[in-house]
Amino acid sequence: EATLDLAERRRIRSAIRELQRQELERDEETLASKRFRPERSSHRQDDKENWPQSQRLEEEQQAALAALSEQLKAITNVEELTKLLRAAGEYEERKLIRAAIRKLRAEEIEAATLAGNVQSSR
């Protein structure tokens, strides 16, 4: 707000964008670590009878989420991700898709601002 130098403002804006990108990456890492964290063993001891079945279901769900995560990395269209989001039934799937949409939008904004900076420098 206090500076009139456009180059300094550009540097400040790009620093802010970089901080936002780093924060987004940290959030994604945090989500990934929470998603793949093993359950506490006391809960499994209480439910020994259903444990093998529930463990198998949990492993299948984790494998499906990992496959979805890889699939989302290949998608670069927000509309396509939005369609997937509307079709998703599980909370974890929706959470992954929303994170992918946020990441794509952040990349689009960053690309647009970089293009704007290149145009203004010419």
C-alpha atoms as a PDB file:
ATOM      1  CA  GLU A   1       0.000   0.000   0.000  1.00  0.00           C
ATOM      2  CA  ALA A   2       2.805   2.391   0.837  1.00  0.00           C
ATOM      3  CA  THR A   3       5.051   1.870  -2.180  1.00  0.00           C
ATOM      4  CA  LEU A   4       4.611   3.510  -5.556  1.00  0.00           C
ATOM      5  CA  ASP A   5       7.332   1.452  -7.266  1.00  0.00           C
ATOM      6  CA  LEU A   6       5.629  -1.015  -9.621  1.00  0.00           C
ATOM      7  CA  ALA A   7       8.600  -3.397  -9.708  1.00  0.00           C
ATOM      8  CA  GLU A   8       8.550  -3.649  -5.932  1.00  0.00           C
ATOM      9  CA  ARG A   9       4.804  -4.294  -5.972  1.00  0.00           C
ATOM     10  CA  ARG A  10       5.357  -7.056  -8.545  1.00  0.00           C
ATOM     11  CA  ARG A  11       7.978  -8.659  -6.312  1.00  0.00           C
ATOM     12  CA  ILE A  12       5.651  -8.450  -3.321  1.00  0.00           C
ATOM     13  CA  ARG A  13       2.782 -10.012  -5.274  1.00  0.00           C
ATOM     14  CA  SER A  14       4.964 -12.848  -6.550  1.00  0.00           C
ATOM     15  CA  ALA A  15       6.239 -13.467  -3.014  1.00  0.00           C
ATOM     16  CA  ILE A  16       2.643 -13.643  -1.769  1.00  0.00           C
ATOM     17  CA  ARG A  17       1.742 -16.100  -4.559  1.00  0.00           C
ATOM     18  CA  GLU A  18       4.738 -18.258  -3.654  1.00  0.00           C
ATOM     19  CA  LEU A  19       3.684 -18.303   0.006  1.00  0.00           C
ATOM     20  CA  GLN A  20       0.141 -19.281  -0.993  1.00  0.00           C
ATOM     21  CA  ARG A  21       1.496 -22.076  -3.216  1.00  0.00           C
ATOM     22  CA  GLN A  22       3.675 -23.375  -0.375  1.00  0.00           C
ATOM     23  CA  GLU A  23       0.737 -23.258   2.020  1.00  0.00           C
ATOM     24  CA  LEU A  24      -1.399 -25.224  -0.448  1.00  0.00           C
ATOM     25  CA  GLU A  25       1.334 -27.857  -0.775  1.00  0.00           C
ATOM     26  CA  ARG A  26       1.626 -28.113   3.024  1.00  0.00           C
ATOM     27  CA  ASP A  27      -2.157 -28.542   3.290  1.00  0.00           C
ATOM     28  CA  GLU A  28      -2.093 -31.317   0.692  1.00  0.00           C
ATOM     29  CA  GLU A  29       0.760 -33.064   2.521  1.00  0.00           C
ATOM     30  CA  THR A  30      -1.164 -32.788   5.779  1.00  0.00           C
ATOM     31  CA  LEU A  31      -4.270 -34.273   4.163  1.00  0.00           C
ATOM     32  CA  ALA A  32      -2.228 -37.093   2.675  1.00  0.00           C
ATOM     33  CA  SER A  33      -0.588 -37.888   6.016  1.00  0.00           C
ATOM     34  CA  LYS A  34      -3.976 -37.908   7.772  1.00  0.00           C
ATOM     35  CA  ARG A  35      -5.524 -40.049   5.055  1.00  0.00           C
ATOM     36  CA  PHE A  36      -2.884 -42.777   5.260  1.00  0.00           C
ATOM     37  CA  ARG A  37      -2.374 -42.742   9.031  1.00  0.00           C
ATOM     38  CA  PRO A  38      -3.001 -46.194  10.536  1.00  0.00           C
ATOM     39  CA  GLU A  39      -5.812 -46.592  13.042  1.00  0.00           C
ATOM     40  CA  ARG A  40      -5.131 -46.907  16.735  1.00  0.00           C
ATOM     41  CA  SER A  41      -4.709 -50.493  17.890  1.00  0.00           C
ATOM     42  CA  SER A  42      -7.083 -50.204  20.885  1.00  0.00           C
ATOM     43  CA  HIS A  43     -10.063 -49.850  18.535  1.00  0.00           C
ATOM     44  CA  ARG A  44      -9.044 -52.987  16.668  1.00  0.00           C
ATOM     45  CA  GLN A  45      -8.682 -54.959  19.898  1.00  0.00           C
ATOM     46  CA  ASP A  46     -12.258 -54.089  20.835  1.00  0.00           C
ATOM     47  CA  ASP A  47     -13.558 -55.425  17.540  1.00  0.00           C
ATOM     48  CA  LYS A  48     -11.445 -58.543  16.930  1.00  0.00           C
ATOM     49  CA  GLU A  49     -14.306 -60.441  15.341  1.00  0.00           C
ATOM     50  CA  ASN A  50     -14.817 -57.976  12.480  1.00  0.00           C
ATOM     51  CA  TRP A  51     -11.204 -56.837  12.245  1.00  0.00           C
ATOM     52  CA  PRO A  52     -10.076 -58.874   9.184  1.00  0.00           C
ATOM     53  CA  GLN A  53     -13.093 -57.781   7.160  1.00  0.00           C
ATOM     54  CA  SER A  54     -12.863 -54.141   8.207  1.00  0.00           C
ATOM     55  CA  GLN A  55      -9.105 -54.138   7.571  1.00  0.00           C
ATOM     56  CA  ARG A  56      -9.638 -55.532   4.077  1.00  0.00           C
ATOM     57  CA  LEU A  57     -12.317 -52.916   3.365  1.00  0.00           C
ATOM     58  CA  GLU A  58     -10.066 -50.152   4.675  1.00  0.00           C
ATOM     59  CA  GLU A  59      -7.160 -51.362   2.528  1.00  0.00           C
ATOM     60  CA  GLU A  60      -9.419 -51.461  -0.527  1.00  0.00           C
ATOM     61  CA  GLN A  61     -10.626 -47.928   0.205  1.00  0.00           C
ATOM     62  CA  GLN A  62      -7.032 -46.687   0.620  1.00  0.00           C
ATOM     63  CA  ALA A  63      -6.044 -48.324  -2.670  1.00  0.00           C
ATOM     64  CA  ALA A  64      -9.043 -46.731  -4.411  1.00  0.00           C
ATOM     65  CA  LEU A  65      -8.145 -43.313  -2.976  1.00  0.00           C
ATOM     66  CA  ALA A  66      -4.532 -43.688  -4.092  1.00  0.00           C
ATOM     67  CA  ALA A  67      -5.710 -44.612  -7.607  1.00  0.00           C
ATOM     68  CA  LEU A  68      -8.081 -41.628  -7.636  1.00  0.00           C
ATOM     69  CA  SER A  69      -5.254 -39.360  -6.512  1.00  0.00           C
ATOM     70  CA  GLU A  70      -3.110 -40.518  -9.445  1.00  0.00           C
ATOM     71  CA  GLN A  71      -6.050 -40.068 -11.829  1.00  0.00           C
ATOM     72  CA  LEU A  72      -6.625 -36.522 -10.573  1.00  0.00           C
ATOM     73  CA  LYS A  73      -3.016 -35.566 -11.262  1.00  0.00           C
ATOM     74  CA  ALA A  74      -3.589 -36.283 -14.956  1.00  0.00           C
ATOM     75  CA  ILE A  75      -6.723 -34.114 -15.212  1.00  0.00           C
ATOM     76  CA  THR A  76      -6.079 -30.468 -16.119  1.00  0.00           C
ATOM     77  CA  ASN A  77      -9.656 -29.321 -16.691  1.00  0.00           C
ATOM     78  CA  VAL A  78     -11.664 -27.784 -13.823  1.00  0.00           C
ATOM     79  CA  GLU A  79     -14.987 -28.669 -15.476  1.00  0.00           C
ATOM     80  CA  GLU A  80     -14.015 -32.335 -15.648  1.00  0.00           C
ATOM     81  CA  LEU A  81     -12.993 -32.276 -11.989  1.00  0.00           C
ATOM     82  CA  THR A  82     -16.298 -30.610 -11.106  1.00  0.00           C
ATOM     83  CA  LYS A  83     -18.189 -33.417 -12.862  1.00  0.00           C
ATOM     84  CA  LEU A  84     -16.168 -35.967 -10.880  1.00  0.00           C
ATOM     85  CA  LEU A  85     -16.925 -34.056  -7.689  1.00  0.00           C
ATOM     86  CA  ARG A  86     -20.658 -34.158  -8.339  1.00  0.00           C
ATOM     87  CA  ALA A  87     -20.502 -37.889  -9.094  1.00  0.00           C
ATOM     88  CA  ALA A  88     -18.357 -38.775  -6.065  1.00  0.00           C
ATOM     89  CA  GLY A  89     -20.162 -40.413  -3.201  1.00  0.00           C
ATOM     90  CA  GLU A  90     -17.507 -40.761  -0.517  1.00  0.00           C
ATOM     91  CA  TYR A  91     -16.317 -37.874   1.614  1.00  0.00           C
ATOM     92  CA  GLU A  92     -12.639 -38.738   1.127  1.00  0.00           C
ATOM     93  CA  GLU A  93     -13.070 -38.785  -2.673  1.00  0.00           C
ATOM     94  CA  ARG A  94     -14.750 -35.372  -2.629  1.00  0.00           C
ATOM     95  CA  LYS A  95     -12.012 -34.009  -0.396  1.00  0.00           C
ATOM     96  CA  LEU A  96      -9.317 -35.184  -2.855  1.00  0.00           C
ATOM     97  CA  ILE A  97     -11.178 -33.744  -5.838  1.00  0.00           C
ATOM     98  CA  ARG A  98     -11.720 -30.385  -4.114  1.00  0.00           C
ATOM     99  CA  ALA A  99      -7.995 -30.198  -3.321  1.00  0.00           C
ATOM    100  CA  ALA A 100      -7.193 -30.925  -6.986  1.00  0.00           C
ATOM    101  CA  ILE A 101      -9.598 -28.178  -8.108  1.00  0.00           C
ATOM    102  CA  ARG A 102      -7.993 -25.690  -5.705  1.00  0.00           C
ATOM    103  CA  LYS A 103      -4.552 -26.624  -6.976  1.00  0.00           C
ATOM    104  CA  LEU A 104      -5.575 -26.214 -10.639  1.00  0.00           C
ATOM    105  CA  ARG A 105      -7.193 -22.851  -9.980  1.00  0.00           C
ATOM    106  CA  ALA A 106      -4.096 -21.643  -8.137  1.00  0.00           C
ATOM    107  CA  GLU A 107      -1.929 -22.733 -11.071  1.00  0.00           C
ATOM    108  CA  GLU A 108      -4.251 -20.952 -13.520  1.00  0.00           C
ATOM    109  CA  ILE A 109      -4.111 -17.754 -11.474  1.00  0.00           C
ATOM    110  CA  GLU A 110      -0.337 -17.959 -11.230  1.00  0.00           C
ATOM    111  CA  ALA A 111      -0.012 -18.531 -14.990  1.00  0.00           C
ATOM    112  CA  ALA A 112      -2.319 -15.605 -15.736  1.00  0.00           C
ATOM    113  CA  THR A 113      -0.401 -13.261 -13.452  1.00  0.00           C
ATOM    114  CA  LEU A 114       2.907 -14.357 -14.956  1.00  0.00           C
ATOM    115  CA  ALA A 115       1.509 -13.746 -18.437  1.00  0.00           C
ATOM    116  CA  GLY A 116       0.284 -10.352 -17.280  1.00  0.00           C
ATOM    117  CA  ASN A 117       3.725  -9.545 -15.895  1.00  0.00           C
ATOM    118  CA  VAL A 118       5.378 -10.532 -19.192  1.00  0.00           C
ATOM    119  CA  GLN A 119       2.916  -8.390 -21.144  1.00  0.00           C
ATOM    120  CA  SER A 120       3.442  -5.395 -18.871  1.00  0.00           C
ATOM    121  CA  SER A 121       7.222  -5.694 -19.063  1.00  0.00           C
ATOM    122  CA  ARG A 122       7.095  -5.498 -22.868  1.00  0.00           C
END
